[in-house]
Amino acid sequence: MPWDADDSTKHTKKAKSPTAKRQWAKVANGVLAKTGDEGRAIRAADSVVRKRGEKPPKTASMRKDEKRTSVTVRDSKGKAVAKASGLKGEAAKEHKEHPWTTPAQAKRIAADHQRERRKK
């Protein structure tokens, strides 16, 4: 049974825009044609539409000089969204790499890393 864009609202609340609804129908029909399994097609389409609404992950790049550390946080398109340098920059990178840490913990870890680099 092929689906159209209006059927998406019966299966997911995430497909709010007309574009998302069309994408849901296209994915569901594609998976149904390949596998013949309606349940799998609906789950795949729901997953694609759900991921569509998520924000893209941010990436952090780090440049090290002998005296300074600077961090540039970029979104998935490569646009710089934040810059920081020194201890603040390294703490931001540490928190980005280990999101379970609190900002205060990340700052302490970054300070420890800077002390270790100075010893060398």
Protein backbone atom coordinates (compact mmCIF):
# COMPACT_ATOMS: atom_id res chain seq x y z
CA MET A 1 0.00 0.00 0.00
CA PRO A 2 1.83 3.16 -1.12
CA TRP A 3 1.59 6.17 1.15
CA ASP A 4 1.14 9.84 0.33
CA ALA A 5 2.26 12.87 2.33
CA ASP A 6 -1.01 13.10 4.28
CA ASP A 7 -0.49 9.61 5.74
CA SER A 8 2.58 10.83 7.64
CA THR A 9 0.48 12.57 10.30
CA LYS A 10 -1.07 9.20 11.24
CA HIS A 11 2.35 7.73 12.02
CA THR A 12 4.46 10.56 13.43
CA LYS A 13 4.05 13.97 15.01
CA LYS A 14 7.46 15.13 13.79
CA ALA A 15 6.37 15.58 10.17
CA LYS A 16 4.87 19.04 10.51
CA SER A 17 5.98 20.83 7.34
CA PRO A 18 4.85 19.82 3.85
CA THR A 19 8.46 19.05 2.94
CA ALA A 20 8.86 16.69 5.91
CA LYS A 21 5.57 14.99 5.02
CA ARG A 22 6.70 14.45 1.42
CA GLN A 23 10.03 13.10 2.66
CA TRP A 24 8.25 10.70 5.00
CA ALA A 25 6.11 9.35 2.15
CA LYS A 26 9.09 9.03 -0.20
CA VAL A 27 11.18 7.11 2.35
CA ALA A 28 8.29 4.86 3.40
CA ASN A 29 7.42 3.99 -0.20
CA GLY A 30 11.08 3.38 -1.06
CA VAL A 31 11.65 1.00 1.84
CA LEU A 32 8.35 -0.74 1.14
CA ALA A 33 9.37 -1.30 -2.49
CA LYS A 34 12.75 -2.75 -1.42
CA THR A 35 11.65 -4.93 1.49
CA GLY A 36 7.90 -5.42 1.18
CA ASP A 37 7.60 -4.92 4.95
CA GLU A 38 5.17 -2.13 5.91
CA GLY A 39 6.31 -1.98 9.55
CA ARG A 40 9.93 -1.56 8.55
CA ALA A 41 8.98 1.12 6.01
CA ILE A 42 7.07 3.14 8.61
CA ARG A 43 9.89 2.86 11.17
CA ALA A 44 12.47 3.95 8.60
CA ALA A 45 10.39 6.94 7.51
CA ASP A 46 9.73 7.96 11.12
CA SER A 47 13.44 7.75 11.86
CA VAL A 48 14.42 9.92 8.89
CA VAL A 49 11.87 12.61 9.75
CA ARG A 50 12.89 12.54 13.43
CA LYS A 51 16.55 12.99 12.54
CA ARG A 52 15.63 15.79 10.16
CA GLY A 53 14.42 17.88 13.10
CA GLU A 54 17.57 17.38 15.18
CA LYS A 55 20.22 20.05 15.17
CA PRO A 56 23.45 19.09 13.44
CA PRO A 57 26.33 18.27 15.75
CA LYS A 58 28.93 20.92 16.37
CA THR A 59 32.60 20.17 15.94
CA ALA A 60 35.51 21.79 17.70
CA SER A 61 38.90 22.34 16.14
CA MET A 62 41.90 23.27 18.22
CA ARG A 63 45.05 25.15 17.28
CA LYS A 64 47.98 24.91 19.63
CA ASP A 65 50.79 27.38 19.83
CA GLU A 66 53.49 27.07 22.40
CA LYS A 67 51.87 29.71 24.59
CA ARG A 68 48.18 29.72 23.65
CA THR A 69 45.42 27.33 22.80
CA SER A 70 42.51 28.55 20.70
CA VAL A 71 39.32 26.65 19.95
CA THR A 72 36.88 27.31 17.14
CA VAL A 73 33.52 25.55 17.37
CA ARG A 74 31.94 24.96 13.96
CA ASP A 75 28.56 23.62 12.93
CA SER A 76 28.14 20.84 10.36
CA LYS A 77 28.34 23.32 7.46
CA GLY A 78 31.72 24.59 8.64
CA LYS A 79 30.47 27.96 9.87
CA ALA A 80 32.28 29.18 12.98
CA VAL A 81 29.81 29.63 15.82
CA ALA A 82 32.14 30.28 18.77
CA LYS A 83 35.78 31.07 19.44
CA ALA A 84 37.74 30.92 22.64
CA SER A 85 41.40 30.91 23.55
CA GLY A 86 43.63 30.06 26.48
CA LEU A 87 42.17 28.21 29.43
CA LYS A 88 38.63 29.12 28.43
CA GLY A 89 39.15 27.69 24.95
CA GLU A 90 40.66 24.48 26.19
CA ALA A 91 37.87 24.08 28.75
CA ALA A 92 35.30 24.54 25.97
CA LYS A 93 37.00 21.83 23.91
CA GLU A 94 37.22 19.52 26.91
CA HIS A 95 33.52 19.99 27.64
CA LYS A 96 32.71 19.38 23.96
CA GLU A 97 34.69 16.13 23.91
CA HIS A 98 33.25 14.97 27.25
CA PRO A 99 29.72 16.41 27.53
CA TRP A 100 29.02 14.58 30.79
CA THR A 101 31.47 16.90 32.56
CA THR A 102 30.25 20.14 34.04
CA PRO A 103 31.84 23.37 32.79
CA ALA A 104 33.69 23.71 36.13
CA GLN A 105 35.09 20.18 35.84
CA ALA A 106 36.13 20.84 32.25
CA LYS A 107 37.95 23.98 33.36
CA ARG A 108 39.84 22.04 36.06
CA ILE A 109 40.79 19.32 33.57
CA ALA A 110 41.96 21.93 31.06
CA ALA A 111 44.07 23.63 33.74
CA ASP A 112 45.65 20.27 34.59
CA HIS A 113 46.45 19.68 30.92
CA GLN A 114 48.08 23.10 30.66
CA ARG A 115 50.18 22.41 33.76
CA GLU A 116 51.31 19.07 32.31
CA ARG A 117 52.34 20.74 29.04
CA ARG A 118 54.34 23.37 30.90
CA LYS A 119 56.26 20.70 32.81
CA LYS A 120 57.48 19.13 29.57
